[in-house]
C-alpha atoms as a PDB file:
ATOM      1  CA  UNK A   1      25.450 -30.310 -10.105  1.00  0.00           C
ATOM      2  CA  UNK A   2      25.577 -27.318  -8.163  1.00  0.00           C
ATOM      3  CA  UNK A   3      22.205 -24.836  -8.681  1.00  0.00           C
ATOM      4  CA  UNK A   4      22.857 -21.779 -10.698  1.00  0.00           C
ATOM      5  CA  UNK A   5      23.012 -18.692  -8.262  1.00  0.00           C
ATOM      6  CA  UNK A   6      20.208 -17.189 -10.137  1.00  0.00           C
ATOM      7  CA  UNK A   7      17.959 -20.119  -9.521  1.00  0.00           C
ATOM      8  CA  UNK A   8      18.677 -19.627  -5.917  1.00  0.00           C
ATOM      9  CA  UNK A   9      18.225 -16.030  -5.671  1.00  0.00           C
ATOM     10  CA  UNK A  10      15.047 -16.662  -7.457  1.00  0.00           C
ATOM     11  CA  UNK A  11      13.764 -19.251  -5.103  1.00  0.00           C
ATOM     12  CA  UNK A  12      14.778 -17.334  -2.062  1.00  0.00           C
ATOM     13  CA  UNK A  13      12.935 -13.955  -3.436  1.00  0.00           C
ATOM     14  CA  UNK A  14      10.027 -16.426  -4.062  1.00  0.00           C
ATOM     15  CA  UNK A  15       9.760 -17.505  -0.305  1.00  0.00           C
ATOM     16  CA  UNK A  16      10.433 -14.195   1.189  1.00  0.00           C
ATOM     17  CA  UNK A  17       7.468 -13.079  -0.810  1.00  0.00           C
ATOM     18  CA  UNK A  18       5.443 -16.029   0.503  1.00  0.00           C
ATOM     19  CA  UNK A  19       6.760 -15.191   4.171  1.00  0.00           C
ATOM     20  CA  UNK A  20       5.507 -11.573   3.536  1.00  0.00           C
ATOM     21  CA  UNK A  21       2.209 -12.725   2.136  1.00  0.00           C
ATOM     22  CA  UNK A  22       1.680 -15.071   5.142  1.00  0.00           C
ATOM     23  CA  UNK A  23       2.397 -12.146   7.661  1.00  0.00           C
ATOM     24  CA  UNK A  24      -0.189 -10.267   5.634  1.00  0.00           C
ATOM     25  CA  UNK A  25      -2.752 -12.786   6.743  1.00  0.00           C
ATOM     26  CA  UNK A  26      -2.117 -13.776   9.839  1.00  0.00           C
ATOM     27  CA  UNK A  27      -0.065 -10.959  11.570  1.00  0.00           C
ATOM     28  CA  UNK A  28       3.097 -11.156  13.940  1.00  0.00           C
ATOM     29  CA  UNK A  29       2.567 -15.215  14.235  1.00  0.00           C
ATOM     30  CA  UNK A  30       5.628 -17.343  13.781  1.00  0.00           C
ATOM     31  CA  UNK A  31       5.556 -18.635  10.213  1.00  0.00           C
ATOM     32  CA  UNK A  32       6.262 -22.408   9.779  1.00  0.00           C
ATOM     33  CA  UNK A  33       8.457 -24.132   7.530  1.00  0.00           C
ATOM     34  CA  UNK A  34       5.766 -26.563   6.833  1.00  0.00           C
ATOM     35  CA  UNK A  35       3.214 -23.408   5.779  1.00  0.00           C
ATOM     36  CA  UNK A  36       5.920 -22.020   3.394  1.00  0.00           C
ATOM     37  CA  UNK A  37       6.345 -25.181   1.558  1.00  0.00           C
ATOM     38  CA  UNK A  38       2.540 -25.251   0.833  1.00  0.00           C
ATOM     39  CA  UNK A  39       2.084 -21.937  -0.238  1.00  0.00           C
ATOM     40  CA  UNK A  40       5.408 -22.380  -2.761  1.00  0.00           C
ATOM     41  CA  UNK A  41       4.110 -25.665  -3.777  1.00  0.00           C
ATOM     42  CA  UNK A  42       7.383 -27.393  -2.537  1.00  0.00           C
ATOM     43  CA  UNK A  43       8.561 -29.995  -0.170  1.00  0.00           C
ATOM     44  CA  UNK A  44       9.689 -28.902   3.268  1.00  0.00           C
ATOM     45  CA  UNK A  45      13.270 -30.253   2.435  1.00  0.00           C
ATOM     46  CA  UNK A  46      13.210 -27.937  -0.968  1.00  0.00           C
ATOM     47  CA  UNK A  47      13.321 -25.097   1.048  1.00  0.00           C
ATOM     48  CA  UNK A  48      16.341 -25.994   2.474  1.00  0.00           C
ATOM     49  CA  UNK A  49      17.975 -25.843  -0.919  1.00  0.00           C
ATOM     50  CA  UNK A  50      17.419 -21.677  -0.571  1.00  0.00           C
ATOM     51  CA  UNK A  51      17.992 -21.335   3.028  1.00  0.00           C
ATOM     52  CA  UNK A  52      20.271 -23.482   5.051  1.00  0.00           C
ATOM     53  CA  UNK A  53      18.288 -23.255   8.194  1.00  0.00           C
ATOM     54  CA  UNK A  54      15.317 -21.434   9.790  1.00  0.00           C
ATOM     55  CA  UNK A  55      17.800 -19.226  11.701  1.00  0.00           C
ATOM     56  CA  UNK A  56      19.064 -18.253   7.826  1.00  0.00           C
ATOM     57  CA  UNK A  57      15.765 -17.677   6.380  1.00  0.00           C
ATOM     58  CA  UNK A  58      15.099 -14.965   9.489  1.00  0.00           C
ATOM     59  CA  UNK A  59      18.122 -13.231   8.601  1.00  0.00           C
ATOM     60  CA  UNK A  60      17.331 -12.733   5.239  1.00  0.00           C
ATOM     61  CA  UNK A  61      13.709 -11.640   6.117  1.00  0.00           C
ATOM     62  CA  UNK A  62      15.593  -8.946   8.525  1.00  0.00           C
ATOM     63  CA  UNK A  63      17.874  -8.191   5.913  1.00  0.00           C
ATOM     64  CA  UNK A  64      15.229  -7.393   3.209  1.00  0.00           C
ATOM     65  CA  UNK A  65      12.990  -5.073   5.762  1.00  0.00           C
ATOM     66  CA  UNK A  66      16.589  -3.180   6.988  1.00  0.00           C
ATOM     67  CA  UNK A  67      18.001  -3.175   3.094  1.00  0.00           C
ATOM     68  CA  UNK A  68      16.402   0.112   2.010  1.00  0.00           C
ATOM     69  CA  UNK A  69      17.307   1.721   5.471  1.00  0.00           C
ATOM     70  CA  UNK A  70      21.164   0.391   5.337  1.00  0.00           C
ATOM     71  CA  UNK A  71      21.354   2.150   2.080  1.00  0.00           C
ATOM     72  CA  UNK A  72      20.061   5.281   3.498  1.00  0.00           C
ATOM     73  CA  UNK A  73      22.849   5.198   6.068  1.00  0.00           C
ATOM     74  CA  UNK A  74      25.461   4.084   3.473  1.00  0.00           C
ATOM     75  CA  UNK A  75      24.346   7.332   1.110  1.00  0.00           C
ATOM     76  CA  UNK A  76      24.495  10.127   3.706  1.00  0.00           C
ATOM     77  CA  UNK A  77      27.681   8.901   5.366  1.00  0.00           C
ATOM     78  CA  UNK A  78      29.392   8.931   2.073  1.00  0.00           C
ATOM     79  CA  UNK A  79      27.879  11.789   0.605  1.00  0.00           C
ATOM     80  CA  UNK A  80      29.609  15.304   0.694  1.00  0.00           C
ATOM     81  CA  UNK A  81      27.006  17.020   2.636  1.00  0.00           C
ATOM     82  CA  UNK A  82      28.095  19.218   5.236  1.00  0.00           C
ATOM     83  CA  UNK A  83      28.309  17.180   8.656  1.00  0.00           C
ATOM     84  CA  UNK A  84      25.400  19.313  10.146  1.00  0.00           C
ATOM     85  CA  UNK A  85      23.496  18.083   7.269  1.00  0.00           C
ATOM     86  CA  UNK A  86      24.659  14.611   7.364  1.00  0.00           C
ATOM     87  CA  UNK A  87      23.396  13.999  11.289  1.00  0.00           C
ATOM     88  CA  UNK A  88      20.494  15.610   9.892  1.00  0.00           C
ATOM     89  CA  UNK A  89      19.596  13.329   7.110  1.00  0.00           C
ATOM     90  CA  UNK A  90      21.130  10.059   8.517  1.00  0.00           C
ATOM     91  CA  UNK A  91      17.922  10.233  10.874  1.00  0.00           C
ATOM     92  CA  UNK A  92      15.143  12.202   8.568  1.00  0.00           C
ATOM     93  CA  UNK A  93      15.835   9.887   5.891  1.00  0.00           C
ATOM     94  CA  UNK A  94      14.773   6.715   7.702  1.00  0.00           C
ATOM     95  CA  UNK A  95      12.363   8.092   9.623  1.00  0.00           C
ATOM     96  CA  UNK A  96      10.584   9.605   6.727  1.00  0.00           C
ATOM     97  CA  UNK A  97      10.757   6.185   4.797  1.00  0.00           C
ATOM     98  CA  UNK A  98       9.153   4.374   8.295  1.00  0.00           C
ATOM     99  CA  UNK A  99       6.358   6.628   8.111  1.00  0.00           C
ATOM    100  CA  UNK A 100       5.831   6.320   4.383  1.00  0.00           C
ATOM    101  CA  UNK A 101       5.982   2.565   4.968  1.00  0.00           C
ATOM    102  CA  UNK A 102       3.645   2.497   8.129  1.00  0.00           C
ATOM    103  CA  UNK A 103       0.874   4.738   6.533  1.00  0.00           C
ATOM    104  CA  UNK A 104       0.987   2.648   3.365  1.00  0.00           C
ATOM    105  CA  UNK A 105       0.271  -0.580   5.322  1.00  0.00           C
ATOM    106  CA  UNK A 106       0.189   0.107   8.950  1.00  0.00           C
ATOM    107  CA  UNK A 107      -1.000  -3.618   9.983  1.00  0.00           C
ATOM    108  CA  UNK A 108       1.913  -5.106   8.174  1.00  0.00           C
ATOM    109  CA  UNK A 109       4.244  -2.466   9.928  1.00  0.00           C
ATOM    110  CA  UNK A 110       3.149  -3.791  13.317  1.00  0.00           C
ATOM    111  CA  UNK A 111       3.527  -7.098  12.349  1.00  0.00           C
ATOM    112  CA  UNK A 112       6.870  -7.178  11.072  1.00  0.00           C
ATOM    113  CA  UNK A 113       7.762  -4.668  14.369  1.00  0.00           C
ATOM    114  CA  UNK A 114       6.460  -7.486  16.571  1.00  0.00           C
ATOM    115  CA  UNK A 115       8.294 -10.467  14.662  1.00  0.00           C
ATOM    116  CA  UNK A 116      11.523  -7.754  15.120  1.00  0.00           C
ATOM    117  CA  UNK A 117      10.866  -8.141  18.889  1.00  0.00           C
ATOM    118  CA  UNK A 118      10.456 -11.820  18.941  1.00  0.00           C
ATOM    119  CA  UNK A 119      13.876 -11.937  16.796  1.00  0.00           C
ATOM    120  CA  UNK A 120      15.579  -9.531  18.317  1.00  0.00           C
ATOM    121  CA  UNK A 121      19.099 -11.369  18.285  1.00  0.00           C
ATOM    122  CA  UNK A 122      18.776 -10.875  14.363  1.00  0.00           C
ATOM    123  CA  UNK A 123      17.823  -7.209  14.419  1.00  0.00           C
ATOM    124  CA  UNK A 124      20.424  -6.144  17.008  1.00  0.00           C
ATOM    125  CA  UNK A 125      23.291  -6.495  14.253  1.00  0.00           C
ATOM    126  CA  UNK A 126      21.160  -3.718  12.120  1.00  0.00           C
ATOM    127  CA  UNK A 127      21.031  -1.874  15.518  1.00  0.00           C
ATOM    128  CA  UNK A 128      24.804  -1.883  15.865  1.00  0.00           C
ATOM    129  CA  UNK A 129      25.136  -1.258  12.074  1.00  0.00           C
ATOM    130  CA  UNK A 130      23.377   1.869  12.752  1.00  0.00           C
ATOM    131  CA  UNK A 131      25.627   2.899  15.812  1.00  0.00           C
ATOM    132  CA  UNK A 132      28.522   2.236  13.312  1.00  0.00           C
ATOM    133  CA  UNK A 133      27.610   4.750  10.823  1.00  0.00           C
ATOM    134  CA  UNK A 134      26.631   7.196  13.002  1.00  0.00           C
ATOM    135  CA  UNK A 135      30.256   6.831  14.805  1.00  0.00           C
ATOM    136  CA  UNK A 136      31.220   7.308  11.544  1.00  0.00           C
ATOM    137  CA  UNK A 137      29.254  10.798  11.058  1.00  0.00           C
ATOM    138  CA  UNK A 138      30.168  11.949  14.667  1.00  0.00           C
ATOM    139  CA  UNK A 139      33.708  11.194  14.115  1.00  0.00           C
ATOM    140  CA  UNK A 140      33.581  13.526  11.226  1.00  0.00           C
ATOM    141  CA  UNK A 141      31.868  16.388  13.114  1.00  0.00           C
ATOM    142  CA  UNK A 142      34.498  16.250  15.971  1.00  0.00           C
ATOM    143  CA  UNK A 143      36.832  17.079  13.316  1.00  0.00           C
ATOM    144  CA  UNK A 144      34.952  20.059  12.750  1.00  0.00           C
ATOM    145  CA  UNK A 145      34.788  20.894  16.674  1.00  0.00           C
ATOM    146  CA  UNK A 146      31.899  19.585  17.828  1.00  0.00           C
ATOM    147  CA  UNK A 147      31.249  17.197  20.796  1.00  0.00           C
ATOM    148  CA  UNK A 148      34.231  18.770  22.487  1.00  0.00           C
ATOM    149  CA  UNK A 149      35.614  16.972  25.250  1.00  0.00           C
ATOM    150  CA  UNK A 150      33.551  13.301  24.922  1.00  0.00           C
ATOM    151  CA  UNK A 151      34.104  10.086  23.386  1.00  0.00           C
ATOM    152  CA  UNK A 152      32.718   9.118  20.250  1.00  0.00           C
ATOM    153  CA  UNK A 153      30.638   6.219  22.194  1.00  0.00           C
ATOM    154  CA  UNK A 154      29.445   8.640  24.712  1.00  0.00           C
ATOM    155  CA  UNK A 155      28.164  10.897  21.904  1.00  0.00           C
ATOM    156  CA  UNK A 156      26.523   8.343  20.011  1.00  0.00           C
ATOM    157  CA  UNK A 157      24.730   6.983  23.032  1.00  0.00           C
ATOM    158  CA  UNK A 158      23.549  10.784  23.829  1.00  0.00           C
ATOM    159  CA  UNK A 159      22.302  11.366  19.948  1.00  0.00           C
ATOM    160  CA  UNK A 160      20.447   7.772  20.155  1.00  0.00           C
ATOM    161  CA  UNK A 161      18.829   9.155  23.304  1.00  0.00           C
ATOM    162  CA  UNK A 162      17.911  12.420  22.059  1.00  0.00           C
ATOM    163  CA  UNK A 163      16.179  11.293  18.712  1.00  0.00           C
ATOM    164  CA  UNK A 164      15.144   7.954  20.076  1.00  0.00           C
ATOM    165  CA  UNK A 165      11.103   8.974  19.476  1.00  0.00           C
ATOM    166  CA  UNK A 166      12.379   9.278  15.151  1.00  0.00           C
ATOM    167  CA  UNK A 167      14.043   6.087  15.261  1.00  0.00           C
ATOM    168  CA  UNK A 168      11.630   3.771  17.299  1.00  0.00           C
ATOM    169  CA  UNK A 169       8.943   2.181  14.830  1.00  0.00           C
ATOM    170  CA  UNK A 170       6.650   1.849  17.825  1.00  0.00           C
ATOM    171  CA  UNK A 171       6.284   5.415  18.258  1.00  0.00           C
ATOM    172  CA  UNK A 172       4.583   5.756  14.395  1.00  0.00           C
ATOM    173  CA  UNK A 173       1.549   3.890  15.901  1.00  0.00           C
ATOM    174  CA  UNK A 174       0.952   6.689  18.805  1.00  0.00           C
ATOM    175  CA  UNK A 175       3.051   9.696  17.589  1.00  0.00           C
ATOM    176  CA  UNK A 176       3.196  10.428  13.960  1.00  0.00           C
ATOM    177  CA  UNK A 177       1.619  13.480  13.625  1.00  0.00           C
ATOM    178  CA  UNK A 178       3.594  14.913  16.371  1.00  0.00           C
ATOM    179  CA  UNK A 179       6.935  14.063  15.100  1.00  0.00           C
ATOM    180  CA  UNK A 180       7.567  16.302  12.118  1.00  0.00           C
ATOM    181  CA  UNK A 181      11.092  16.326  10.419  1.00  0.00           C
ATOM    182  CA  UNK A 182      10.660  20.079  11.085  1.00  0.00           C
ATOM    183  CA  UNK A 183      11.302  19.525  14.802  1.00  0.00           C
ATOM    184  CA  UNK A 184      14.171  17.065  14.100  1.00  0.00           C
ATOM    185  CA  UNK A 185      15.974  19.906  12.496  1.00  0.00           C
ATOM    186  CA  UNK A 186      15.565  21.900  15.616  1.00  0.00           C
ATOM    187  CA  UNK A 187      17.119  18.734  17.930  1.00  0.00           C
ATOM    188  CA  UNK A 188      19.981  18.056  15.521  1.00  0.00           C
ATOM    189  CA  UNK A 189      20.708  21.979  16.056  1.00  0.00           C
ATOM    190  CA  UNK A 190      20.712  21.765  19.452  1.00  0.00           C
ATOM    191  CA  UNK A 191      22.593  18.757  19.909  1.00  0.00           C
ATOM    192  CA  UNK A 192      25.327  19.869  17.476  1.00  0.00           C
ATOM    193  CA  UNK A 193      25.604  23.077  19.421  1.00  0.00           C
ATOM    194  CA  UNK A 194      24.900  21.953  23.091  1.00  0.00           C
ATOM    195  CA  UNK A 195      26.824  18.494  23.436  1.00  0.00           C
ATOM    196  CA  UNK A 196      29.984  18.602  24.966  1.00  0.00           C
ATOM    197  CA  UNK A 197      31.883  17.771  28.260  1.00  0.00           C
ATOM    198  CA  UNK A 198      30.651  20.959  29.595  1.00  0.00           C
ATOM    199  CA  UNK A 199      27.111  19.641  28.851  1.00  0.00           C
ATOM    200  CA  UNK A 200      28.208  16.209  30.136  1.00  0.00           C
ATOM    201  CA  UNK A 201      29.514  18.044  33.333  1.00  0.00           C
ATOM    202  CA  UNK A 202      26.459  19.574  33.914  1.00  0.00           C
ATOM    203  CA  UNK A 203      23.984  16.548  33.108  1.00  0.00           C
ATOM    204  CA  UNK A 204      26.038  14.283  35.830  1.00  0.00           C
ATOM    205  CA  UNK A 205      25.696  17.436  38.664  1.00  0.00           C
ATOM    206  CA  UNK A 206      21.730  17.279  37.935  1.00  0.00           C
ATOM    207  CA  UNK A 207      21.988  13.780  38.396  1.00  0.00           C
ATOM    208  CA  UNK A 208      23.862  14.208  41.706  1.00  0.00           C
ATOM    209  CA  UNK A 209      21.731  16.967  42.872  1.00  0.00           C
ATOM    210  CA  UNK A 210      18.548  14.381  41.996  1.00  0.00           C
ATOM    211  CA  UNK A 211      19.882  11.975  44.012  1.00  0.00           C
ATOM    212  CA  UNK A 212      20.519  13.818  46.908  1.00  0.00           C
ATOM    213  CA  UNK A 213      16.881  15.288  46.750  1.00  0.00           C
ATOM    214  CA  UNK A 214      15.225  11.860  46.466  1.00  0.00           C
END
């Protein structure tokens, strides 16, 4: 008889809570299924009833970590906000949440970041998802006359580079107090008013000039 879905979800939630407890205790040390089974008072084989593989467990851990950030991106892109506000809120809301999580439990936050580096093959999917939602906002901005003459992919790349201090969680360890959201407002305004094909041409010219000098 198949296990009821509610039982599966309850078991998955329990295991994810145990993993987080172990991360709190030990930091970014690889958690073994044997340790999880011991803490959950179940056999190691029983864990596979809830997660078919260790890879699926890490995917669930990543989904749990990114779920509130994904919801922010979904809410912002689906909102009726002006596109200028959308682009700002897309980054500001996630940065504010990230900073709150960091200030609440800095060691746990750092451990999750280190584990994310170790399992980047899982994390990259959420990076790509962020780019997908950003591209949606940029496409809307283009309909409003912004980013003239450049492609969506180029605009996504440039925007990500310019707001990188606000989306890179590692920066919170060293720069949290130097990253007020008020500065992000200015950065977004500059991006919207200045990023166009003319800007890209000027940047390429400057790069060429620097190459000649060097």
